[in-house]
Amino acid sequence: MQTVTVSPKFQVVIPRPIRDSLRLYAGQKMRMIAYDGRIELIPGKDISELRGFLKGINTEFKREQDRV
């Protein structure tokens, strides 16, 4: 577990090993969520990175008539 310090401007630096393992880059958008007494940062993904993430999903279900 890494420890970071909050600066007077309320900024933190994400340690290099974490940046490298998550392939984060400067200027990348992050979503921040306060959850159960902690802060979670979720890296945003480019739409091109999401291609194929639903591969294999089951599409065989009955649709409502107004949704066809």
PDB file of N, CA and C in Angstrom:
ATOM      1  N   MET A   1       0.846  -1.176   0.000  1.00  0.00           N
ATOM      2  CA  MET A   1       0.000   0.000   0.000  1.00  0.00           C
ATOM      3  C   MET A   1       0.893   1.241   0.000  1.00  0.00           C
ATOM      4  N   GLN A   2       0.581   2.163  -0.863  1.00  0.00           N
ATOM      5  CA  GLN A   2       1.350   3.398  -0.996  1.00  0.00           C
ATOM      6  C   GLN A   2       0.688   4.495  -0.164  1.00  0.00           C
ATOM      7  N   THR A   3       1.490   5.415   0.349  1.00  0.00           N
ATOM      8  CA  THR A   3       0.983   6.557   1.092  1.00  0.00           C
ATOM      9  C   THR A   3       1.275   7.819   0.301  1.00  0.00           C
ATOM     10  N   VAL A   4       0.286   8.695   0.201  1.00  0.00           N
ATOM     11  CA  VAL A   4       0.463   9.975  -0.479  1.00  0.00           C
ATOM     12  C   VAL A   4       0.082  11.087   0.484  1.00  0.00           C
ATOM     13  N   THR A   5       0.534  12.296   0.176  1.00  0.00           N
ATOM     14  CA  THR A   5       0.251  13.470   0.996  1.00  0.00           C
ATOM     15  C   THR A   5      -0.614  14.434   0.207  1.00  0.00           C
ATOM     16  N   VAL A   6      -1.615  14.979   0.867  1.00  0.00           N
ATOM     17  CA  VAL A   6      -2.472  15.981   0.240  1.00  0.00           C
ATOM     18  C   VAL A   6      -1.765  17.330   0.360  1.00  0.00           C
ATOM     19  N   SER A   7      -1.586  18.012  -0.773  1.00  0.00           N
ATOM     20  CA  SER A   7      -0.897  19.300  -0.783  1.00  0.00           C
ATOM     21  C   SER A   7      -1.834  20.400  -0.268  1.00  0.00           C
ATOM     22  N   PRO A   8      -1.306  21.592  -0.018  1.00  0.00           N
ATOM     23  CA  PRO A   8      -2.166  22.707   0.407  1.00  0.00           C
ATOM     24  C   PRO A   8      -3.245  23.051  -0.630  1.00  0.00           C
ATOM     25  N   LYS A   9      -3.020  22.658  -1.884  1.00  0.00           N
ATOM     26  CA  LYS A   9      -4.027  22.882  -2.930  1.00  0.00           C
ATOM     27  C   LYS A   9      -4.930  21.665  -3.103  1.00  0.00           C
ATOM     28  N   PHE A  10      -4.874  20.728  -2.149  1.00  0.00           N
ATOM     29  CA  PHE A  10      -5.673  19.505  -2.153  1.00  0.00           C
ATOM     30  C   PHE A  10      -5.355  18.615  -3.356  1.00  0.00           C
ATOM     31  N   GLN A  11      -4.090  18.569  -3.738  1.00  0.00           N
ATOM     32  CA  GLN A  11      -3.638  17.716  -4.834  1.00  0.00           C
ATOM     33  C   GLN A  11      -2.867  16.536  -4.259  1.00  0.00           C
ATOM     34  N   VAL A  12      -2.923  15.417  -4.963  1.00  0.00           N
ATOM     35  CA  VAL A  12      -2.115  14.241  -4.606  1.00  0.00           C
ATOM     36  C   VAL A  12      -1.407  13.745  -5.857  1.00  0.00           C
ATOM     37  N   VAL A  13      -0.294  13.073  -5.659  1.00  0.00           N
ATOM     38  CA  VAL A  13       0.454  12.481  -6.762  1.00  0.00           C
ATOM     39  C   VAL A  13       0.229  10.976  -6.692  1.00  0.00           C
ATOM     40  N   ILE A  14      -0.202  10.402  -7.811  1.00  0.00           N
ATOM     41  CA  ILE A  14      -0.383   8.948  -7.881  1.00  0.00           C
ATOM     42  C   ILE A  14       1.003   8.336  -8.061  1.00  0.00           C
ATOM     43  N   PRO A  15       1.411   7.444  -7.159  1.00  0.00           N
ATOM     44  CA  PRO A  15       2.758   6.867  -7.243  1.00  0.00           C
ATOM     45  C   PRO A  15       3.017   6.170  -8.579  1.00  0.00           C
ATOM     46  N   ARG A  16       4.256   6.250  -9.027  1.00  0.00           N
ATOM     47  CA  ARG A  16       4.649   5.718 -10.333  1.00  0.00           C
ATOM     48  C   ARG A  16       4.282   4.241 -10.537  1.00  0.00           C
ATOM     49  N   PRO A  17       4.521   3.364  -9.560  1.00  0.00           N
ATOM     50  CA  PRO A  17       4.155   1.956  -9.797  1.00  0.00           C
ATOM     51  C   PRO A  17       2.661   1.780 -10.101  1.00  0.00           C
ATOM     52  N   ILE A  18       1.837   2.556  -9.460  1.00  0.00           N
ATOM     53  CA  ILE A  18       0.390   2.478  -9.707  1.00  0.00           C
ATOM     54  C   ILE A  18       0.060   3.058 -11.075  1.00  0.00           C
ATOM     55  N   ARG A  19       0.657   4.204 -11.404  1.00  0.00           N
ATOM     56  CA  ARG A  19       0.441   4.807 -12.735  1.00  0.00           C
ATOM     57  C   ARG A  19       0.847   3.840 -13.839  1.00  0.00           C
ATOM     58  N   ASP A  20       1.996   3.193 -13.657  1.00  0.00           N
ATOM     59  CA  ASP A  20       2.487   2.265 -14.674  1.00  0.00           C
ATOM     60  C   ASP A  20       1.588   1.040 -14.795  1.00  0.00           C
ATOM     61  N   SER A  21       1.175   0.464 -13.672  1.00  0.00           N
ATOM     62  CA  SER A  21       0.372  -0.756 -13.727  1.00  0.00           C
ATOM     63  C   SER A  21      -1.015  -0.497 -14.320  1.00  0.00           C
ATOM     64  N   LEU A  22      -1.561   0.709 -14.116  1.00  0.00           N
ATOM     65  CA  LEU A  22      -2.879   1.046 -14.668  1.00  0.00           C
ATOM     66  C   LEU A  22      -2.784   1.781 -15.999  1.00  0.00           C
ATOM     67  N   ARG A  23      -1.539   1.999 -16.469  1.00  0.00           N
ATOM     68  CA  ARG A  23      -1.287   2.713 -17.730  1.00  0.00           C
ATOM     69  C   ARG A  23      -1.983   4.078 -17.755  1.00  0.00           C
ATOM     70  N   LEU A  24      -1.831   4.831 -16.678  1.00  0.00           N
ATOM     71  CA  LEU A  24      -2.389   6.187 -16.607  1.00  0.00           C
ATOM     72  C   LEU A  24      -1.450   7.145 -17.319  1.00  0.00           C
ATOM     73  N   TYR A  25      -2.000   8.215 -17.852  1.00  0.00           N
ATOM     74  CA  TYR A  25      -1.172   9.210 -18.530  1.00  0.00           C
ATOM     75  C   TYR A  25      -1.608  10.607 -18.118  1.00  0.00           C
ATOM     76  N   ALA A  26      -0.712  11.561 -18.281  1.00  0.00           N
ATOM     77  CA  ALA A  26      -0.977  12.955 -17.896  1.00  0.00           C
ATOM     78  C   ALA A  26      -2.150  13.496 -18.707  1.00  0.00           C
ATOM     79  N   GLY A  27      -3.056  14.154 -18.037  1.00  0.00           N
ATOM     80  CA  GLY A  27      -4.212  14.744 -18.695  1.00  0.00           C
ATOM     81  C   GLY A  27      -5.405  13.807 -18.794  1.00  0.00           C
ATOM     82  N   GLN A  28      -5.231  12.569 -18.370  1.00  0.00           N
ATOM     83  CA  GLN A  28      -6.334  11.603 -18.441  1.00  0.00           C
ATOM     84  C   GLN A  28      -7.428  11.989 -17.453  1.00  0.00           C
ATOM     85  N   LYS A  29      -8.669  11.833 -17.867  1.00  0.00           N
ATOM     86  CA  LYS A  29      -9.810  12.121 -17.002  1.00  0.00           C
ATOM     87  C   LYS A  29     -10.007  10.965 -16.025  1.00  0.00           C
ATOM     88  N   MET A  30     -10.364  11.320 -14.793  1.00  0.00           N
ATOM     89  CA  MET A  30     -10.635  10.327 -13.758  1.00  0.00           C
ATOM     90  C   MET A  30     -11.984  10.651 -13.131  1.00  0.00           C
ATOM     91  N   ARG A  31     -12.721   9.620 -12.789  1.00  0.00           N
ATOM     92  CA  ARG A  31     -13.957   9.812 -12.042  1.00  0.00           C
ATOM     93  C   ARG A  31     -13.629   9.593 -10.580  1.00  0.00           C
ATOM     94  N   MET A  32     -14.166  10.446  -9.718  1.00  0.00           N
ATOM     95  CA  MET A  32     -13.879  10.360  -8.295  1.00  0.00           C
ATOM     96  C   MET A  32     -15.184  10.122  -7.550  1.00  0.00           C
ATOM     97  N   ILE A  33     -15.171   9.089  -6.698  1.00  0.00           N
ATOM     98  CA  ILE A  33     -16.362   8.716  -5.961  1.00  0.00           C
ATOM     99  C   ILE A  33     -16.004   8.579  -4.490  1.00  0.00           C
ATOM    100  N   ALA A  34     -16.797   9.207  -3.626  1.00  0.00           N
ATOM    101  CA  ALA A  34     -16.673   8.993  -2.187  1.00  0.00           C
ATOM    102  C   ALA A  34     -17.541   7.789  -1.851  1.00  0.00           C
ATOM    103  N   TYR A  35     -16.931   6.742  -1.290  1.00  0.00           N
ATOM    104  CA  TYR A  35     -17.648   5.497  -1.057  1.00  0.00           C
ATOM    105  C   TYR A  35     -17.202   4.864   0.254  1.00  0.00           C
ATOM    106  N   ASP A  36     -18.119   4.702   1.156  1.00  0.00           N
ATOM    107  CA  ASP A  36     -17.872   3.979   2.409  1.00  0.00           C
ATOM    108  C   ASP A  36     -16.634   4.492   3.158  1.00  0.00           C
ATOM    109  N   GLY A  37     -16.507   5.824   3.257  1.00  0.00           N
ATOM    110  CA  GLY A  37     -15.406   6.417   4.012  1.00  0.00           C
ATOM    111  C   GLY A  37     -14.085   6.478   3.272  1.00  0.00           C
ATOM    112  N   ARG A  38     -14.103   6.248   1.972  1.00  0.00           N
ATOM    113  CA  ARG A  38     -12.863   6.322   1.197  1.00  0.00           C
ATOM    114  C   ARG A  38     -13.132   7.000  -0.139  1.00  0.00           C
ATOM    115  N   ILE A  39     -12.073   7.342  -0.843  1.00  0.00           N
ATOM    116  CA  ILE A  39     -12.177   7.968  -2.164  1.00  0.00           C
ATOM    117  C   ILE A  39     -11.703   6.950  -3.186  1.00  0.00           C
ATOM    118  N   GLU A  40     -12.496   6.758  -4.234  1.00  0.00           N
ATOM    119  CA  GLU A  40     -12.102   5.864  -5.318  1.00  0.00           C
ATOM    120  C   GLU A  40     -11.943   6.683  -6.584  1.00  0.00           C
ATOM    121  N   LEU A  41     -10.827   6.464  -7.276  1.00  0.00           N
ATOM    122  CA  LEU A  41     -10.558   7.102  -8.561  1.00  0.00           C
ATOM    123  C   LEU A  41     -10.716   6.055  -9.651  1.00  0.00           C
ATOM    124  N   ILE A  42     -11.524   6.364 -10.639  1.00  0.00           N
ATOM    125  CA  ILE A  42     -11.771   5.430 -11.725  1.00  0.00           C
ATOM    126  C   ILE A  42     -11.291   6.069 -13.021  1.00  0.00           C
ATOM    127  N   PRO A  43     -10.280   5.481 -13.660  1.00  0.00           N
ATOM    128  CA  PRO A  43      -9.769   6.073 -14.898  1.00  0.00           C
ATOM    129  C   PRO A  43     -10.802   6.005 -16.010  1.00  0.00           C
ATOM    130  N   GLY A  44     -10.919   7.111 -16.754  1.00  0.00           N
ATOM    131  CA  GLY A  44     -11.787   7.130 -17.921  1.00  0.00           C
ATOM    132  C   GLY A  44     -11.130   6.368 -19.054  1.00  0.00           C
ATOM    133  N   LYS A  45     -11.926   5.813 -19.918  1.00  0.00           N
ATOM    134  CA  LYS A  45     -11.400   5.061 -21.055  1.00  0.00           C
ATOM    135  C   LYS A  45     -11.846   5.720 -22.351  1.00  0.00           C
ATOM    136  N   ASP A  46     -10.975   5.674 -23.354  1.00  0.00           N
ATOM    137  CA  ASP A  46     -11.344   6.143 -24.677  1.00  0.00           C
ATOM    138  C   ASP A  46     -12.365   5.170 -25.260  1.00  0.00           C
ATOM    139  N   ILE A  47     -13.249   5.679 -26.092  1.00  0.00           N
ATOM    140  CA  ILE A  47     -14.271   4.823 -26.688  1.00  0.00           C
ATOM    141  C   ILE A  47     -13.642   3.694 -27.496  1.00  0.00           C
ATOM    142  N   SER A  48     -12.482   3.934 -28.090  1.00  0.00           N
ATOM    143  CA  SER A  48     -11.818   2.883 -28.875  1.00  0.00           C
ATOM    144  C   SER A  48     -11.356   1.724 -27.987  1.00  0.00           C
ATOM    145  N   GLU A  49     -11.052   1.989 -26.720  1.00  0.00           N
ATOM    146  CA  GLU A  49     -10.640   0.937 -25.802  1.00  0.00           C
ATOM    147  C   GLU A  49     -11.800   0.041 -25.393  1.00  0.00           C
ATOM    148  N   LEU A  50     -13.025   0.533 -25.547  1.00  0.00           N
ATOM    149  CA  LEU A  50     -14.196  -0.232 -25.126  1.00  0.00           C
ATOM    150  C   LEU A  50     -14.698  -1.188 -26.209  1.00  0.00           C
ATOM    151  N   ARG A  51     -14.135  -1.103 -27.390  1.00  0.00           N
ATOM    152  CA  ARG A  51     -14.581  -1.956 -28.485  1.00  0.00           C
ATOM    153  C   ARG A  51     -14.415  -3.431 -28.108  1.00  0.00           C
ATOM    154  N   GLY A  52     -15.523  -4.166 -28.242  1.00  0.00           N
ATOM    155  CA  GLY A  52     -15.502  -5.596 -27.990  1.00  0.00           C
ATOM    156  C   GLY A  52     -15.693  -6.010 -26.549  1.00  0.00           C
ATOM    157  N   PHE A  53     -15.915  -5.083 -25.619  1.00  0.00           N
ATOM    158  CA  PHE A  53     -16.021  -5.480 -24.222  1.00  0.00           C
ATOM    159  C   PHE A  53     -17.329  -6.220 -23.921  1.00  0.00           C
ATOM    160  N   LEU A  54     -18.295  -6.165 -24.823  1.00  0.00           N
ATOM    161  CA  LEU A  54     -19.544  -6.905 -24.643  1.00  0.00           C
ATOM    162  C   LEU A  54     -19.572  -8.196 -25.456  1.00  0.00           C
ATOM    163  N   LYS A  55     -18.450  -8.571 -26.014  1.00  0.00           N
ATOM    164  CA  LYS A  55     -18.384  -9.780 -26.832  1.00  0.00           C
ATOM    165  C   LYS A  55     -18.834 -10.981 -26.005  1.00  0.00           C
ATOM    166  N   GLY A  56     -19.753 -11.757 -26.582  1.00  0.00           N
ATOM    167  CA  GLY A  56     -20.238 -12.942 -25.894  1.00  0.00           C
ATOM    168  C   GLY A  56     -21.462 -12.702 -25.033  1.00  0.00           C
ATOM    169  N   ILE A  57     -21.962 -11.457 -24.979  1.00  0.00           N
ATOM    170  CA  ILE A  57     -23.131 -11.174 -24.164  1.00  0.00           C
ATOM    171  C   ILE A  57     -24.361 -11.857 -24.775  1.00  0.00           C
ATOM    172  N   ASN A  58     -25.240 -12.356 -23.923  1.00  0.00           N
ATOM    173  CA  ASN A  58     -26.446 -13.031 -24.375  1.00  0.00           C
ATOM    174  C   ASN A  58     -27.464 -11.996 -24.843  1.00  0.00           C
ATOM    175  N   THR A  59     -27.815 -12.044 -26.114  1.00  0.00           N
ATOM    176  CA  THR A  59     -28.800 -11.109 -26.668  1.00  0.00           C
ATOM    177  C   THR A  59     -30.135 -11.792 -26.949  1.00  0.00           C
ATOM    178  N   GLU A  60     -30.262 -13.035 -26.528  1.00  0.00           N
ATOM    179  CA  GLU A  60     -31.491 -13.804 -26.754  1.00  0.00           C
ATOM    180  C   GLU A  60     -32.463 -13.585 -25.600  1.00  0.00           C
ATOM    181  N   PHE A  61     -33.181 -12.492 -25.637  1.00  0.00           N
ATOM    182  CA  PHE A  61     -34.207 -12.237 -24.636  1.00  0.00           C
ATOM    183  C   PHE A  61     -35.388 -11.578 -25.316  1.00  0.00           C
ATOM    184  N   LYS A  62     -36.558 -11.736 -24.730  1.00  0.00           N
ATOM    185  CA  LYS A  62     -37.771 -11.189 -25.322  1.00  0.00           C
ATOM    186  C   LYS A  62     -37.848  -9.691 -25.044  1.00  0.00           C
ATOM    187  N   ARG A  63     -38.032  -8.930 -26.111  1.00  0.00           N
ATOM    188  CA  ARG A  63     -38.151  -7.485 -25.987  1.00  0.00           C
ATOM    189  C   ARG A  63     -39.618  -7.089 -25.892  1.00  0.00           C
ATOM    190  N   GLU A  64     -39.874  -5.972 -25.220  1.00  0.00           N
ATOM    191  CA  GLU A  64     -41.213  -5.425 -25.178  1.00  0.00           C
ATOM    192  C   GLU A  64     -41.539  -4.863 -26.552  1.00  0.00           C
ATOM    193  N   GLN A  65     -42.817  -4.865 -26.922  1.00  0.00           N
ATOM    194  CA  GLN A  65     -43.220  -4.445 -28.251  1.00  0.00           C
ATOM    195  C   GLN A  65     -42.790  -3.002 -28.576  1.00  0.00           C
ATOM    196  N   ASP A  66     -42.832  -2.111 -27.600  1.00  0.00           N
ATOM    197  CA  ASP A  66     -42.465  -0.725 -27.871  1.00  0.00           C
ATOM    198  C   ASP A  66     -40.948  -0.520 -27.916  1.00  0.00           C
ATOM    199  N   ARG A  67     -40.168  -1.564 -27.703  1.00  0.00           N
ATOM    200  CA  ARG A  67     -38.704  -1.464 -27.710  1.00  0.00           C
ATOM    201  C   ARG A  67     -38.076  -2.140 -28.915  1.00  0.00           C
ATOM    202  N   VAL A  68     -38.889  -2.644 -29.845  1.00  0.00           N
ATOM    203  CA  VAL A  68     -38.368  -3.372 -31.005  1.00  0.00           C
ATOM    204  C   VAL A  68     -37.915  -2.413 -32.060  1.00  0.00           C
TER     205      VAL A  68
END
